[in-house]
């Protein structure tokens, strides 16, 4: 088993430790906001346990996936909604 998996964040490759959540991978990449609110304010992970829904991103083409509840795997494509 490899210790790292390779994902893409907004088209840029990133290697993260196995079993890293998408929200953590975004933080490692330096992404401070994953989407914009209806009035245009930047939003990002807040609670880290799937309650607030602020960490929503697009994963493998599927919108509104909770980044804090999704584990990275090889080839995963993550798109922020900025």
N, C-alpha and C. Protein backbone atom coordinates (compact mmCIF):
# COMPACT_ATOMS: atom_id res chain seq x y z
N UNK A 1 0.84 -1.18 0.00
CA UNK A 1 0.00 0.00 0.00
C UNK A 1 0.88 1.24 0.00
N UNK A 2 0.59 2.19 -0.89
CA UNK A 2 1.33 3.44 -0.94
C UNK A 2 0.95 4.32 0.23
N UNK A 3 1.88 5.13 0.66
CA UNK A 3 1.60 6.06 1.74
C UNK A 3 0.93 7.34 1.24
N UNK A 4 1.02 7.58 -0.09
CA UNK A 4 0.45 8.78 -0.68
C UNK A 4 -0.48 8.43 -1.84
N UNK A 5 -1.46 9.29 -2.06
CA UNK A 5 -2.34 9.16 -3.24
C UNK A 5 -2.23 10.46 -4.02
N UNK A 6 -2.51 10.38 -5.31
CA UNK A 6 -2.42 11.54 -6.18
C UNK A 6 -3.81 12.01 -6.58
N UNK A 7 -4.11 13.28 -6.31
CA UNK A 7 -5.40 13.88 -6.67
C UNK A 7 -5.13 15.13 -7.50
N UNK A 8 -6.16 15.69 -8.09
CA UNK A 8 -6.03 16.99 -8.73
C UNK A 8 -6.97 17.96 -8.05
N UNK A 9 -6.48 19.17 -7.82
CA UNK A 9 -7.26 20.24 -7.21
C UNK A 9 -7.32 21.38 -8.22
N UNK A 10 -8.51 21.62 -8.74
CA UNK A 10 -8.68 22.65 -9.78
C UNK A 10 -7.67 22.47 -10.91
N UNK A 11 -7.46 21.21 -11.30
CA UNK A 11 -6.59 20.87 -12.42
C UNK A 11 -5.12 20.74 -12.08
N UNK A 12 -4.72 21.05 -10.86
CA UNK A 12 -3.32 20.96 -10.45
C UNK A 12 -3.09 19.69 -9.64
N UNK A 13 -2.04 18.92 -9.96
CA UNK A 13 -1.78 17.69 -9.22
C UNK A 13 -1.34 17.96 -7.79
N UNK A 14 -1.70 17.04 -6.90
CA UNK A 14 -1.32 17.13 -5.50
C UNK A 14 -1.21 15.73 -4.94
N UNK A 15 -0.11 15.44 -4.26
CA UNK A 15 0.07 14.16 -3.56
C UNK A 15 -0.23 14.39 -2.09
N UNK A 16 -1.11 13.56 -1.55
CA UNK A 16 -1.50 13.69 -0.14
C UNK A 16 -1.37 12.33 0.53
N UNK A 17 -1.18 12.32 1.85
CA UNK A 17 -1.13 11.03 2.54
C UNK A 17 -2.43 10.25 2.36
N UNK A 18 -2.32 8.94 2.28
CA UNK A 18 -3.51 8.09 2.17
C UNK A 18 -4.45 8.38 3.33
N UNK A 19 -5.73 8.29 3.09
CA UNK A 19 -6.80 8.51 4.08
C UNK A 19 -6.95 9.98 4.49
N UNK A 20 -6.44 10.89 3.67
CA UNK A 20 -6.64 12.31 3.89
C UNK A 20 -8.01 12.70 3.37
N UNK A 21 -8.73 13.56 4.10
CA UNK A 21 -10.02 14.03 3.59
C UNK A 21 -9.78 15.09 2.51
N UNK A 22 -10.79 15.28 1.69
CA UNK A 22 -10.71 16.30 0.65
C UNK A 22 -10.50 17.68 1.29
N UNK A 23 -11.21 17.98 2.38
CA UNK A 23 -11.05 19.27 3.05
C UNK A 23 -9.61 19.47 3.51
N UNK A 24 -8.99 18.43 4.06
CA UNK A 24 -7.60 18.52 4.50
C UNK A 24 -6.67 18.70 3.31
N UNK A 25 -6.94 18.01 2.21
CA UNK A 25 -6.12 18.16 1.00
C UNK A 25 -6.19 19.59 0.48
N UNK A 26 -7.37 20.18 0.53
CA UNK A 26 -7.51 21.57 0.09
C UNK A 26 -6.72 22.50 1.00
N UNK A 27 -6.74 22.25 2.29
CA UNK A 27 -5.96 23.06 3.22
C UNK A 27 -4.46 22.90 2.95
N UNK A 28 -4.03 21.68 2.65
CA UNK A 28 -2.62 21.43 2.33
C UNK A 28 -2.22 22.18 1.06
N UNK A 29 -3.15 22.34 0.14
CA UNK A 29 -2.90 23.03 -1.13
C UNK A 29 -2.93 24.54 -0.94
N UNK A 30 -3.43 24.99 0.20
CA UNK A 30 -3.49 26.43 0.45
C UNK A 30 -4.79 27.07 -0.01
N UNK A 31 -5.78 26.24 -0.29
CA UNK A 31 -7.07 26.76 -0.72
C UNK A 31 -7.82 27.25 0.51
N UNK A 32 -8.08 28.55 0.57
CA UNK A 32 -8.73 29.11 1.76
C UNK A 32 -10.25 29.20 1.61
N UNK A 33 -10.75 29.13 0.39
CA UNK A 33 -12.20 29.17 0.16
C UNK A 33 -12.55 28.15 -0.90
N UNK A 34 -13.60 27.37 -0.66
CA UNK A 34 -13.98 26.32 -1.61
C UNK A 34 -15.15 26.71 -2.49
N UNK A 35 -15.89 27.73 -2.06
CA UNK A 35 -17.04 28.16 -2.85
C UNK A 35 -17.40 29.58 -2.43
N UNK A 36 -18.41 30.14 -3.09
CA UNK A 36 -18.91 31.48 -2.76
C UNK A 36 -20.36 31.38 -2.32
N UNK A 37 -20.73 32.20 -1.37
CA UNK A 37 -22.12 32.24 -0.92
C UNK A 37 -22.98 32.90 -1.98
N UNK A 38 -24.28 32.93 -1.77
CA UNK A 38 -25.18 33.54 -2.75
C UNK A 38 -24.93 35.03 -2.93
N UNK A 39 -24.30 35.67 -1.94
CA UNK A 39 -23.97 37.08 -2.10
C UNK A 39 -22.49 37.30 -2.44
N UNK A 40 -21.79 36.20 -2.75
CA UNK A 40 -20.42 36.30 -3.24
C UNK A 40 -19.32 36.23 -2.20
N UNK A 41 -19.65 35.97 -0.94
CA UNK A 41 -18.62 35.86 0.08
C UNK A 41 -17.93 34.51 0.02
N UNK A 42 -16.62 34.46 0.25
CA UNK A 42 -15.90 33.18 0.23
C UNK A 42 -16.32 32.30 1.41
N UNK A 43 -16.46 31.02 1.15
CA UNK A 43 -16.86 30.04 2.18
C UNK A 43 -15.84 28.91 2.19
N UNK A 44 -15.66 28.28 3.35
CA UNK A 44 -14.71 27.17 3.48
C UNK A 44 -15.14 26.27 4.63
N UNK A 45 -14.44 25.16 4.78
CA UNK A 45 -14.75 24.20 5.84
C UNK A 45 -14.77 24.90 7.19
N UNK A 46 -15.75 24.54 8.01
CA UNK A 46 -15.90 25.16 9.31
C UNK A 46 -15.91 24.11 10.43
N UNK A 47 -16.87 23.19 10.38
CA UNK A 47 -17.04 22.25 11.50
C UNK A 47 -16.16 21.01 11.38
N UNK A 48 -15.87 20.58 10.17
CA UNK A 48 -15.03 19.40 9.98
C UNK A 48 -15.71 18.08 10.25
N UNK A 49 -17.03 18.08 10.43
CA UNK A 49 -17.74 16.83 10.70
C UNK A 49 -19.03 16.67 9.91
N UNK A 50 -19.22 17.47 8.87
CA UNK A 50 -20.36 17.29 7.97
C UNK A 50 -21.65 17.94 8.38
N UNK A 51 -21.63 18.79 9.39
CA UNK A 51 -22.85 19.43 9.85
C UNK A 51 -23.11 20.76 9.13
N UNK A 52 -22.08 21.56 8.94
CA UNK A 52 -22.27 22.92 8.42
C UNK A 52 -22.41 23.00 6.90
N UNK A 53 -21.91 22.03 6.17
CA UNK A 53 -21.96 21.97 4.70
C UNK A 53 -21.18 23.09 4.02
N UNK A 54 -20.30 23.76 4.73
CA UNK A 54 -19.52 24.84 4.16
C UNK A 54 -18.37 24.34 3.28
N UNK A 55 -18.03 23.06 3.39
CA UNK A 55 -16.88 22.50 2.66
C UNK A 55 -17.28 21.87 1.32
N UNK A 56 -18.47 22.19 0.83
CA UNK A 56 -18.95 21.56 -0.41
C UNK A 56 -18.04 21.88 -1.60
N UNK A 57 -17.70 20.84 -2.35
CA UNK A 57 -16.88 20.96 -3.56
C UNK A 57 -17.43 20.00 -4.60
N UNK A 58 -16.87 20.08 -5.80
CA UNK A 58 -17.22 19.14 -6.86
C UNK A 58 -16.15 18.06 -6.88
N UNK A 59 -16.54 16.80 -6.76
CA UNK A 59 -15.61 15.67 -6.74
C UNK A 59 -15.98 14.73 -7.88
N UNK A 60 -15.03 14.51 -8.77
CA UNK A 60 -15.24 13.65 -9.95
C UNK A 60 -16.52 14.04 -10.69
N UNK A 61 -16.75 15.35 -10.81
CA UNK A 61 -17.89 15.85 -11.57
C UNK A 61 -19.19 15.94 -10.79
N UNK A 62 -19.21 15.46 -9.57
CA UNK A 62 -20.42 15.48 -8.75
C UNK A 62 -20.38 16.70 -7.81
N UNK A 63 -21.36 17.58 -7.94
CA UNK A 63 -21.40 18.82 -7.16
C UNK A 63 -21.88 18.58 -5.74
N UNK A 64 -21.54 19.51 -4.87
CA UNK A 64 -22.01 19.58 -3.49
C UNK A 64 -21.60 18.38 -2.62
N UNK A 65 -20.41 17.86 -2.88
CA UNK A 65 -19.86 16.77 -2.06
C UNK A 65 -19.21 17.40 -0.82
N UNK A 66 -19.45 16.82 0.33
CA UNK A 66 -18.85 17.34 1.56
C UNK A 66 -17.37 16.94 1.62
N UNK A 67 -16.50 17.92 1.53
CA UNK A 67 -15.06 17.67 1.53
C UNK A 67 -14.55 17.07 2.83
N UNK A 68 -15.18 17.39 3.95
CA UNK A 68 -14.70 16.88 5.23
C UNK A 68 -15.11 15.43 5.45
N UNK A 69 -16.01 14.91 4.64
CA UNK A 69 -16.49 13.54 4.80
C UNK A 69 -16.02 12.62 3.68
N UNK A 70 -15.22 13.14 2.76
CA UNK A 70 -14.79 12.37 1.59
C UNK A 70 -13.29 12.13 1.65
N UNK A 71 -12.89 10.87 1.55
CA UNK A 71 -11.47 10.52 1.56
C UNK A 71 -10.88 10.61 0.17
N UNK A 72 -9.65 11.09 0.09
CA UNK A 72 -8.94 11.13 -1.18
C UNK A 72 -8.54 9.73 -1.61
N UNK A 73 -8.54 9.51 -2.91
CA UNK A 73 -8.05 8.26 -3.49
C UNK A 73 -7.32 8.62 -4.78
N UNK A 74 -6.50 7.71 -5.26
CA UNK A 74 -5.75 7.97 -6.49
C UNK A 74 -6.67 8.38 -7.62
N UNK A 75 -6.31 9.47 -8.30
CA UNK A 75 -7.05 9.92 -9.47
C UNK A 75 -8.25 10.81 -9.18
N UNK A 76 -8.54 11.07 -7.93
CA UNK A 76 -9.69 11.88 -7.56
C UNK A 76 -9.53 13.30 -8.11
N UNK A 77 -10.60 13.83 -8.69
CA UNK A 77 -10.59 15.18 -9.22
C UNK A 77 -11.46 16.07 -8.32
N UNK A 78 -10.86 17.11 -7.77
CA UNK A 78 -11.53 18.03 -6.86
C UNK A 78 -11.60 19.39 -7.52
N UNK A 79 -12.81 19.95 -7.56
CA UNK A 79 -12.98 21.30 -8.12
C UNK A 79 -13.64 22.17 -7.07
N UNK A 80 -13.00 23.28 -6.78
CA UNK A 80 -13.65 24.23 -5.87
C UNK A 80 -14.65 25.05 -6.67
N UNK A 81 -15.62 25.61 -6.00
CA UNK A 81 -16.69 26.34 -6.69
C UNK A 81 -16.51 27.83 -6.51
N UNK A 82 -15.30 28.30 -6.73
CA UNK A 82 -15.01 29.73 -6.53
C UNK A 82 -15.39 30.53 -7.73
